[in-house]
Amino acid sequence: MRKKIFAILNKTYGILMTVSFFGGLLPLLPFLFAIVVGGELAETITIFLHKQYYPVVIIIGSIAVVIGLIAMYVGKLEGLSVKKVSAETPEEEK
């Protein structure tokens, strides 16, 4: 059961992070268009992106991070620990 929950959370994390990444990259074209056009239209485009678009992308990214941390907890992964990892293989330890 734990592995199934981990798999679902991990898949959800990956999808949301991908959406967040491309969501942050997508406004490149409107910004370039705003630079070329200039004036009030450029101001309207950039204000829309700043006030309405980016907050949604930031929220999606934040939710993805929380889901990723929960997935690590459920999967008992220790990616954020400070444990020292031994470079020796199990055969060398004998």
PDB file of N, CA and C in Angstrom:
ATOM      1  N   MET A   1       0.824  -1.197   0.000  1.00  0.00           N
ATOM      2  CA  MET A   1       0.000   0.000   0.000  1.00  0.00           C
ATOM      3  C   MET A   1       0.867   1.258   0.000  1.00  0.00           C
ATOM      4  N   ARG A   2       1.926   1.222   0.815  1.00  0.00           N
ATOM      5  CA  ARG A   2       2.817   2.366   0.924  1.00  0.00           C
ATOM      6  C   ARG A   2       3.509   2.642  -0.418  1.00  0.00           C
ATOM      7  N   LYS A   3       3.909   1.570  -1.111  1.00  0.00           N
ATOM      8  CA  LYS A   3       4.576   1.739  -2.406  1.00  0.00           C
ATOM      9  C   LYS A   3       3.632   2.325  -3.449  1.00  0.00           C
ATOM     10  N   LYS A   4       2.363   1.926  -3.384  1.00  0.00           N
ATOM     11  CA  LYS A   4       1.377   2.437  -4.334  1.00  0.00           C
ATOM     12  C   LYS A   4       1.131   3.933  -4.099  1.00  0.00           C
ATOM     13  N   ILE A   5       1.008   4.331  -2.845  1.00  0.00           N
ATOM     14  CA  ILE A   5       0.825   5.750  -2.508  1.00  0.00           C
ATOM     15  C   ILE A   5       2.050   6.543  -2.938  1.00  0.00           C
ATOM     16  N   PHE A   6       3.233   5.981  -2.683  1.00  0.00           N
ATOM     17  CA  PHE A   6       4.473   6.644  -3.075  1.00  0.00           C
ATOM     18  C   PHE A   6       4.525   6.845  -4.591  1.00  0.00           C
ATOM     19  N   ALA A   7       4.140   5.824  -5.337  1.00  0.00           N
ATOM     20  CA  ALA A   7       4.166   5.921  -6.801  1.00  0.00           C
ATOM     21  C   ALA A   7       3.203   6.989  -7.301  1.00  0.00           C
ATOM     22  N   ILE A   8       2.011   7.048  -6.724  1.00  0.00           N
ATOM     23  CA  ILE A   8       1.022   8.046  -7.138  1.00  0.00           C
ATOM     24  C   ILE A   8       1.509   9.457  -6.803  1.00  0.00           C
ATOM     25  N   LEU A   9       2.029   9.641  -5.588  1.00  0.00           N
ATOM     26  CA  LEU A   9       2.519  10.962  -5.185  1.00  0.00           C
ATOM     27  C   LEU A   9       3.717  11.386  -6.027  1.00  0.00           C
ATOM     28  N   ASN A  10       4.597  10.442  -6.307  1.00  0.00           N
ATOM     29  CA  ASN A  10       5.782  10.761  -7.097  1.00  0.00           C
ATOM     30  C   ASN A  10       5.407  11.150  -8.526  1.00  0.00           C
ATOM     31  N   LYS A  11       4.444  10.449  -9.101  1.00  0.00           N
ATOM     32  CA  LYS A  11       3.965  10.767 -10.453  1.00  0.00           C
ATOM     33  C   LYS A  11       3.298  12.145 -10.470  1.00  0.00           C
ATOM     34  N   THR A  12       2.480  12.426  -9.450  1.00  0.00           N
ATOM     35  CA  THR A  12       1.821  13.726  -9.341  1.00  0.00           C
ATOM     36  C   THR A  12       2.844  14.841  -9.195  1.00  0.00           C
ATOM     37  N   TYR A  13       3.863  14.595  -8.381  1.00  0.00           N
ATOM     38  CA  TYR A  13       4.942  15.572  -8.200  1.00  0.00           C
ATOM     39  C   TYR A  13       5.619  15.879  -9.533  1.00  0.00           C
ATOM     40  N   GLY A  14       5.942  14.847 -10.289  1.00  0.00           N
ATOM     41  CA  GLY A  14       6.609  15.038 -11.568  1.00  0.00           C
ATOM     42  C   GLY A  14       5.765  15.825 -12.555  1.00  0.00           C
ATOM     43  N   ILE A  15       4.488  15.507 -12.604  1.00  0.00           N
ATOM     44  CA  ILE A  15       3.590  16.211 -13.527  1.00  0.00           C
ATOM     45  C   ILE A  15       3.457  17.680 -13.137  1.00  0.00           C
ATOM     46  N   LEU A  16       3.235  17.939 -11.847  1.00  0.00           N
ATOM     47  CA  LEU A  16       3.066  19.330 -11.407  1.00  0.00           C
ATOM     48  C   LEU A  16       4.348  20.143 -11.580  1.00  0.00           C
ATOM     49  N   MET A  17       5.496  19.532 -11.344  1.00  0.00           N
ATOM     50  CA  MET A  17       6.757  20.256 -11.535  1.00  0.00           C
ATOM     51  C   MET A  17       6.995  20.558 -13.015  1.00  0.00           C
ATOM     52  N   THR A  18       6.629  19.637 -13.885  1.00  0.00           N
ATOM     53  CA  THR A  18       6.769  19.879 -15.312  1.00  0.00           C
ATOM     54  C   THR A  18       5.844  21.013 -15.756  1.00  0.00           C
ATOM     55  N   VAL A  19       4.605  20.995 -15.271  1.00  0.00           N
ATOM     56  CA  VAL A  19       3.661  22.070 -15.589  1.00  0.00           C
ATOM     57  C   VAL A  19       4.183  23.403 -15.068  1.00  0.00           C
ATOM     58  N   SER A  20       4.723  23.399 -13.861  1.00  0.00           N
ATOM     59  CA  SER A  20       5.250  24.630 -13.273  1.00  0.00           C
ATOM     60  C   SER A  20       6.454  25.147 -14.060  1.00  0.00           C
ATOM     61  N   PHE A  21       7.325  24.241 -14.478  1.00  0.00           N
ATOM     62  CA  PHE A  21       8.507  24.652 -15.247  1.00  0.00           C
ATOM     63  C   PHE A  21       8.109  25.294 -16.572  1.00  0.00           C
ATOM     64  N   PHE A  22       7.264  24.593 -17.329  1.00  0.00           N
ATOM     65  CA  PHE A  22       6.862  25.141 -18.618  1.00  0.00           C
ATOM     66  C   PHE A  22       5.934  26.342 -18.444  1.00  0.00           C
ATOM     67  N   GLY A  23       5.208  26.394 -17.330  1.00  0.00           N
ATOM     68  CA  GLY A  23       4.386  27.559 -17.038  1.00  0.00           C
ATOM     69  C   GLY A  23       5.231  28.788 -16.789  1.00  0.00           C
ATOM     70  N   GLY A  24       6.408  28.596 -16.218  1.00  0.00           N
ATOM     71  CA  GLY A  24       7.321  29.714 -16.020  1.00  0.00           C
ATOM     72  C   GLY A  24       8.038  30.115 -17.291  1.00  0.00           C
ATOM     73  N   LEU A  25       8.208  29.173 -18.200  1.00  0.00           N
ATOM     74  CA  LEU A  25       8.898  29.445 -19.455  1.00  0.00           C
ATOM     75  C   LEU A  25       7.970  30.055 -20.513  1.00  0.00           C
ATOM     76  N   LEU A  26       6.696  29.721 -20.439  1.00  0.00           N
ATOM     77  CA  LEU A  26       5.715  30.138 -21.446  1.00  0.00           C
ATOM     78  C   LEU A  26       5.602  31.657 -21.641  1.00  0.00           C
ATOM     79  N   PRO A  27       5.680  32.485 -20.605  1.00  0.00           N
ATOM     80  CA  PRO A  27       5.527  33.938 -20.810  1.00  0.00           C
ATOM     81  C   PRO A  27       6.688  34.613 -21.534  1.00  0.00           C
ATOM     82  N   LEU A  28       7.686  33.847 -21.918  1.00  0.00           N
ATOM     83  CA  LEU A  28       8.796  34.443 -22.652  1.00  0.00           C
ATOM     84  C   LEU A  28       8.313  35.128 -23.932  1.00  0.00           C
ATOM     85  N   LEU A  29       7.453  34.463 -24.665  1.00  0.00           N
ATOM     86  CA  LEU A  29       6.963  35.043 -25.924  1.00  0.00           C
ATOM     87  C   LEU A  29       6.132  36.309 -25.711  1.00  0.00           C
ATOM     88  N   PRO A  30       5.185  36.325 -24.771  1.00  0.00           N
ATOM     89  CA  PRO A  30       4.472  37.593 -24.551  1.00  0.00           C
ATOM     90  C   PRO A  30       5.385  38.731 -24.088  1.00  0.00           C
ATOM     91  N   PHE A  31       6.415  38.411 -23.286  1.00  0.00           N
ATOM     92  CA  PHE A  31       7.338  39.458 -22.866  1.00  0.00           C
ATOM     93  C   PHE A  31       8.133  39.990 -24.055  1.00  0.00           C
ATOM     94  N   LEU A  32       8.582  39.093 -24.918  1.00  0.00           N
ATOM     95  CA  LEU A  32       9.297  39.547 -26.113  1.00  0.00           C
ATOM     96  C   LEU A  32       8.386  40.381 -27.009  1.00  0.00           C
ATOM     97  N   PHE A  33       7.140  39.958 -27.154  1.00  0.00           N
ATOM     98  CA  PHE A  33       6.168  40.723 -27.935  1.00  0.00           C
ATOM     99  C   PHE A  33       5.955  42.104 -27.316  1.00  0.00           C
ATOM    100  N   ALA A  34       5.890  42.151 -25.975  1.00  0.00           N
ATOM    101  CA  ALA A  34       5.692  43.432 -25.287  1.00  0.00           C
ATOM    102  C   ALA A  34       6.882  44.358 -25.487  1.00  0.00           C
ATOM    103  N   ILE A  35       8.081  43.801 -25.534  1.00  0.00           N
ATOM    104  CA  ILE A  35       9.275  44.627 -25.774  1.00  0.00           C
ATOM    105  C   ILE A  35       9.229  45.222 -27.175  1.00  0.00           C
ATOM    106  N   VAL A  36       8.822  44.418 -28.143  1.00  0.00           N
ATOM    107  CA  VAL A  36       8.770  44.890 -29.532  1.00  0.00           C
ATOM    108  C   VAL A  36       7.672  45.937 -29.711  1.00  0.00           C
ATOM    109  N   VAL A  37       6.480  45.688 -29.153  1.00  0.00           N
ATOM    110  CA  VAL A  37       5.340  46.573 -29.353  1.00  0.00           C
ATOM    111  C   VAL A  37       5.497  47.860 -28.544  1.00  0.00           C
ATOM    112  N   GLY A  38       5.784  47.719 -27.262  1.00  0.00           N
ATOM    113  CA  GLY A  38       5.932  48.884 -26.397  1.00  0.00           C
ATOM    114  C   GLY A  38       4.604  49.568 -26.092  1.00  0.00           C
ATOM    115  N   GLY A  39       4.663  50.657 -25.367  1.00  0.00           N
ATOM    116  CA  GLY A  39       3.476  51.464 -25.075  1.00  0.00           C
ATOM    117  C   GLY A  39       2.512  50.822 -24.092  1.00  0.00           C
ATOM    118  N   GLU A  40       1.242  51.217 -24.198  1.00  0.00           N
ATOM    119  CA  GLU A  40       0.209  50.749 -23.272  1.00  0.00           C
ATOM    120  C   GLU A  40      -0.088  49.260 -23.430  1.00  0.00           C
ATOM    121  N   LEU A  41      -0.001  48.768 -24.651  1.00  0.00           N
ATOM    122  CA  LEU A  41      -0.243  47.337 -24.870  1.00  0.00           C
ATOM    123  C   LEU A  41       0.798  46.493 -24.133  1.00  0.00           C
ATOM    124  N   ALA A  42       2.046  46.913 -24.193  1.00  0.00           N
ATOM    125  CA  ALA A  42       3.113  46.206 -23.479  1.00  0.00           C
ATOM    126  C   ALA A  42       2.879  46.264 -21.980  1.00  0.00           C
ATOM    127  N   GLU A  43       2.455  47.404 -21.511  1.00  0.00           N
ATOM    128  CA  GLU A  43       2.170  47.559 -20.083  1.00  0.00           C
ATOM    129  C   GLU A  43       1.032  46.639 -19.661  1.00  0.00           C
ATOM    130  N   THR A  44      -0.002  46.547 -20.456  1.00  0.00           N
ATOM    131  CA  THR A  44      -1.138  45.681 -20.157  1.00  0.00           C
ATOM    132  C   THR A  44      -0.722  44.209 -20.127  1.00  0.00           C
ATOM    133  N   ILE A  45       0.094  43.807 -21.083  1.00  0.00           N
ATOM    134  CA  ILE A  45       0.560  42.413 -21.140  1.00  0.00           C
ATOM    135  C   ILE A  45       1.394  42.068 -19.914  1.00  0.00           C
ATOM    136  N   THR A  46       2.344  42.918 -19.588  1.00  0.00           N
ATOM    137  CA  THR A  46       3.225  42.613 -18.460  1.00  0.00           C
ATOM    138  C   THR A  46       2.489  42.665 -17.127  1.00  0.00           C
ATOM    139  N   ILE A  47       1.548  43.561 -16.977  1.00  0.00           N
ATOM    140  CA  ILE A  47       0.771  43.614 -15.727  1.00  0.00           C
ATOM    141  C   ILE A  47      -0.095  42.366 -15.594  1.00  0.00           C
ATOM    142  N   PHE A  48      -0.689  41.923 -16.686  1.00  0.00           N
ATOM    143  CA  PHE A  48      -1.477  40.684 -16.640  1.00  0.00           C
ATOM    144  C   PHE A  48      -0.603  39.506 -16.219  1.00  0.00           C
ATOM    145  N   LEU A  49       0.569  39.383 -16.831  1.00  0.00           N
ATOM    146  CA  LEU A  49       1.450  38.267 -16.486  1.00  0.00           C
ATOM    147  C   LEU A  49       1.895  38.343 -15.029  1.00  0.00           C
ATOM    148  N   HIS A  50       2.195  39.547 -14.579  1.00  0.00           N
ATOM    149  CA  HIS A  50       2.681  39.714 -13.206  1.00  0.00           C
ATOM    150  C   HIS A  50       1.577  39.492 -12.166  1.00  0.00           C
ATOM    151  N   LYS A  51       0.417  40.039 -12.388  1.00  0.00           N
ATOM    152  CA  LYS A  51      -0.650  40.009 -11.380  1.00  0.00           C
ATOM    153  C   LYS A  51      -1.516  38.755 -11.420  1.00  0.00           C
ATOM    154  N   GLN A  52      -1.746  38.173 -12.606  1.00  0.00           N
ATOM    155  CA  GLN A  52      -2.700  37.069 -12.708  1.00  0.00           C
ATOM    156  C   GLN A  52      -2.062  35.743 -13.102  1.00  0.00           C
ATOM    157  N   TYR A  53      -1.014  35.771 -13.907  1.00  0.00           N
ATOM    158  CA  TYR A  53      -0.460  34.514 -14.421  1.00  0.00           C
ATOM    159  C   TYR A  53       0.575  33.910 -13.467  1.00  0.00           C
ATOM    160  N   TYR A  54       1.575  34.689 -13.085  1.00  0.00           N
ATOM    161  CA  TYR A  54       2.650  34.157 -12.262  1.00  0.00           C
ATOM    162  C   TYR A  54       2.200  33.656 -10.890  1.00  0.00           C
ATOM    163  N   PRO A  55       1.258  34.298 -10.208  1.00  0.00           N
ATOM    164  CA  PRO A  55       0.819  33.727  -8.924  1.00  0.00           C
ATOM    165  C   PRO A  55       0.275  32.297  -9.051  1.00  0.00           C
ATOM    166  N   VAL A  56      -0.416  32.006 -10.143  1.00  0.00           N
ATOM    167  CA  VAL A  56      -0.942  30.651 -10.353  1.00  0.00           C
ATOM    168  C   VAL A  56       0.208  29.671 -10.546  1.00  0.00           C
ATOM    169  N   VAL A  57       1.209  30.054 -11.327  1.00  0.00           N
ATOM    170  CA  VAL A  57       2.356  29.177 -11.570  1.00  0.00           C
ATOM    171  C   VAL A  57       3.133  28.944 -10.276  1.00  0.00           C
ATOM    172  N   ILE A  58       3.280  29.966  -9.460  1.00  0.00           N
ATOM    173  CA  ILE A  58       3.989  29.831  -8.188  1.00  0.00           C
ATOM    174  C   ILE A  58       3.227  28.909  -7.247  1.00  0.00           C
ATOM    175  N   ILE A  59       1.911  29.017  -7.208  1.00  0.00           N
ATOM    176  CA  ILE A  59       1.102  28.142  -6.359  1.00  0.00           C
ATOM    177  C   ILE A  59       1.225  26.687  -6.824  1.00  0.00           C
ATOM    178  N   ILE A  60       1.194  26.453  -8.122  1.00  0.00           N
ATOM    179  CA  ILE A  60       1.345  25.090  -8.641  1.00  0.00           C
ATOM    180  C   ILE A  60       2.715  24.522  -8.263  1.00  0.00           C
ATOM    181  N   GLY A  61       3.745  25.320  -8.393  1.00  0.00           N
ATOM    182  CA  GLY A  61       5.086  24.877  -8.007  1.00  0.00           C
ATOM    183  C   GLY A  61       5.190  24.585  -6.519  1.00  0.00           C
ATOM    184  N   SER A  62       4.559  25.404  -5.700  1.00  0.00           N
ATOM    185  CA  SER A  62       4.582  25.190  -4.246  1.00  0.00           C
ATOM    186  C   SER A  62       3.846  23.916  -3.864  1.00  0.00           C
ATOM    187  N   ILE A  63       2.709  23.676  -4.485  1.00  0.00           N
ATOM    188  CA  ILE A  63       1.957  22.443  -4.220  1.00  0.00           C
ATOM    189  C   ILE A  63       2.782  21.235  -4.645  1.00  0.00           C
ATOM    190  N   ALA A  64       3.489  21.347  -5.771  1.00  0.00           N
ATOM    191  CA  ALA A  64       4.326  20.247  -6.240  1.00  0.00           C
ATOM    192  C   ALA A  64       5.436  19.931  -5.239  1.00  0.00           C
ATOM    193  N   VAL A  65       6.044  20.952  -4.664  1.00  0.00           N
ATOM    194  CA  VAL A  65       7.108  20.732  -3.682  1.00  0.00           C
ATOM    195  C   VAL A  65       6.563  20.027  -2.444  1.00  0.00           C
ATOM    196  N   VAL A  66       5.408  20.451  -1.968  1.00  0.00           N
ATOM    197  CA  VAL A  66       4.798  19.815  -0.796  1.00  0.00           C
ATOM    198  C   VAL A  66       4.479  18.350  -1.088  1.00  0.00           C
ATOM    199  N   ILE A  67       3.918  18.074  -2.261  1.00  0.00           N
ATOM    200  CA  ILE A  67       3.607  16.697  -2.635  1.00  0.00           C
ATOM    201  C   ILE A  67       4.894  15.874  -2.743  1.00  0.00           C
ATOM    202  N   GLY A  68       5.951  16.462  -3.278  1.00  0.00           N
ATOM    203  CA  GLY A  68       7.232  15.764  -3.361  1.00  0.00           C
ATOM    204  C   GLY A  68       7.802  15.426  -1.996  1.00  0.00           C
ATOM    205  N   LEU A  69       7.684  16.352  -1.053  1.00  0.00           N
ATOM    206  CA  LEU A  69       8.177  16.082   0.304  1.00  0.00           C
ATOM    207  C   LEU A  69       7.338  15.003   0.995  1.00  0.00           C
ATOM    208  N   ILE A  70       6.035  15.039   0.786  1.00  0.00           N
ATOM    209  CA  ILE A  70       5.171  13.992   1.352  1.00  0.00           C
ATOM    210  C   ILE A  70       5.516  12.646   0.725  1.00  0.00           C
ATOM    211  N   ALA A  71       5.783  12.623  -0.576  1.00  0.00           N
ATOM    212  CA  ALA A  71       6.168  11.378  -1.242  1.00  0.00           C
ATOM    213  C   ALA A  71       7.469  10.836  -0.668  1.00  0.00           C
ATOM    214  N   MET A  72       8.419  11.715  -0.383  1.00  0.00           N
ATOM    215  CA  MET A  72       9.670  11.269   0.228  1.00  0.00           C
ATOM    216  C   MET A  72       9.422  10.678   1.608  1.00  0.00           C
ATOM    217  N   TYR A  73       8.539  11.288   2.372  1.00  0.00           N
ATOM    218  CA  TYR A  73       8.217  10.787   3.705  1.00  0.00           C
ATOM    219  C   TYR A  73       7.527   9.429   3.614  1.00  0.00           C
ATOM    220  N   VAL A  74       6.554   9.302   2.719  1.00  0.00           N
ATOM    221  CA  VAL A  74       5.820   8.045   2.575  1.00  0.00           C
ATOM    222  C   VAL A  74       6.742   6.940   2.062  1.00  0.00           C
ATOM    223  N   GLY A  75       7.635   7.272   1.135  1.00  0.00           N
ATOM    224  CA  GLY A  75       8.549   6.292   0.569  1.00  0.00           C
ATOM    225  C   GLY A  75       9.768   6.026   1.422  1.00  0.00           C
ATOM    226  N   LYS A  76       9.848   6.701   2.562  1.00  0.00           N
ATOM    227  CA  LYS A  76      10.977   6.569   3.489  1.00  0.00           C
ATOM    228  C   LYS A  76      12.316   6.865   2.814  1.00  0.00           C
ATOM    229  N   LEU A  77      12.316   7.846   1.928  1.00  0.00           N
ATOM    230  CA  LEU A  77      13.553   8.279   1.295  1.00  0.00           C
ATOM    231  C   LEU A  77      14.230   9.298   2.195  1.00  0.00           C
ATOM    232  N   GLU A  78      15.550   9.313   2.174  1.00  0.00           N
ATOM    233  CA  GLU A  78      16.283  10.237   3.030  1.00  0.00           C
ATOM    234  C   GLU A  78      17.162  11.155   2.189  1.00  0.00           C
ATOM    235  N   GLY A  79      16.551  11.814   1.239  1.00  0.00           N
ATOM    236  CA  GLY A  79      17.291  12.711   0.361  1.00  0.00           C
ATOM    237  C   GLY A  79      17.749  13.980   1.045  1.00  0.00           C
ATOM    238  N   LEU A  80      17.127  14.326   2.150  1.00  0.00           N
ATOM    239  CA  LEU A  80      17.479  15.559   2.856  1.00  0.00           C
ATOM    240  C   LEU A  80      18.240  15.292   4.144  1.00  0.00           C
ATOM    241  N   SER A  81      18.780  14.072   4.310  1.00  0.00           N
ATOM    242  CA  SER A  81      19.494  13.751   5.539  1.00  0.00           C
ATOM    243  C   SER A  81      20.973  14.088   5.393  1.00  0.00           C
ATOM    244  N   VAL A  82      21.646  14.120   6.523  1.00  0.00           N
ATOM    245  CA  VAL A  82      23.060  14.469   6.542  1.00  0.00           C
ATOM    246  C   VAL A  82      23.891  13.235   6.899  1.00  0.00           C
ATOM    247  N   LYS A  83      23.345  12.066   6.668  1.00  0.00           N
ATOM    248  CA  LYS A  83      24.072  10.836   6.969  1.00  0.00           C
ATOM    249  C   LYS A  83      25.276  10.694   6.051  1.00  0.00           C
ATOM    250  N   LYS A  84      26.348  10.136   6.604  1.00  0.00           N
ATOM    251  CA  LYS A  84      27.536   9.893   5.809  1.00  0.00           C
ATOM    252  C   LYS A  84      27.357   8.564   5.082  1.00  0.00           C
ATOM    253  N   VAL A  85      27.539   8.592   3.774  1.00  0.00           N
ATOM    254  CA  VAL A  85      27.393   7.389   2.969  1.00  0.00           C
ATOM    255  C   VAL A  85      28.751   6.753   2.801  1.00  0.00           C
ATOM    256  N   SER A  86      28.834   5.471   3.096  1.00  0.00           N
ATOM    257  CA  SER A  86      30.082   4.753   2.963  1.00  0.00           C
ATOM    258  C   SER A  86      30.358   4.440   1.504  1.00  0.00           C
ATOM    259  N   ALA A  87      31.598   4.646   1.079  1.00  0.00           N
ATOM    260  CA  ALA A  87      31.972   4.378  -0.301  1.00  0.00           C
ATOM    261  C   ALA A  87      32.314   2.908  -0.510  1.00  0.00           C
ATOM    262  N   GLU A  88      32.398   2.147   0.577  1.00  0.00           N
ATOM    263  CA  GLU A  88      32.757   0.739   0.481  1.00  0.00           C
ATOM    264  C   GLU A  88      31.563  -0.087   0.037  1.00  0.00           C
ATOM    265  N   THR A  89      31.834  -1.113  -0.716  1.00  0.00           N
ATOM    266  CA  THR A  89      30.790  -2.038  -1.099  1.00  0.00           C
ATOM    267  C   THR A  89      30.594  -3.046   0.022  1.00  0.00           C
ATOM    268  N   PRO A  90      29.458  -3.749   0.081  1.00  0.00           N
ATOM    269  CA  PRO A  90      29.224  -4.717   1.146  1.00  0.00           C
ATOM    270  C   PRO A  90      30.288  -5.806   1.217  1.00  0.00           C
ATOM    271  N   GLU A  91      30.905  -6.193   0.092  1.00  0.00           N
ATOM    272  CA  GLU A  91      31.934  -7.233   0.113  1.00  0.00           C
ATOM    273  C   GLU A  91      33.193  -6.726   0.809  1.00  0.00           C
ATOM    274  N   GLU A  92      33.495  -5.440   0.656  1.00  0.00           N
ATOM    275  CA  GLU A  92      34.706  -4.870   1.248  1.00  0.00           C
ATOM    276  C   GLU A  92      34.577  -4.698   2.761  1.00  0.00           C
ATOM    277  N   GLU A  93      33.351  -4.608   3.254  1.00  0.00           N
ATOM    278  CA  GLU A  93      33.139  -4.389   4.688  1.00  0.00           C
ATOM    279  C   GLU A  93      33.461  -5.638   5.503  1.00  0.00           C
ATOM    280  N   LYS A  94      33.443  -6.819   4.892  1.00  0.00           N
ATOM    281  CA  LYS A  94      33.706  -8.075   5.620  1.00  0.00           C
ATOM    282  C   LYS A  94      35.116  -8.220   5.956  1.00  0.00           C
TER     283      LYS A  94
END
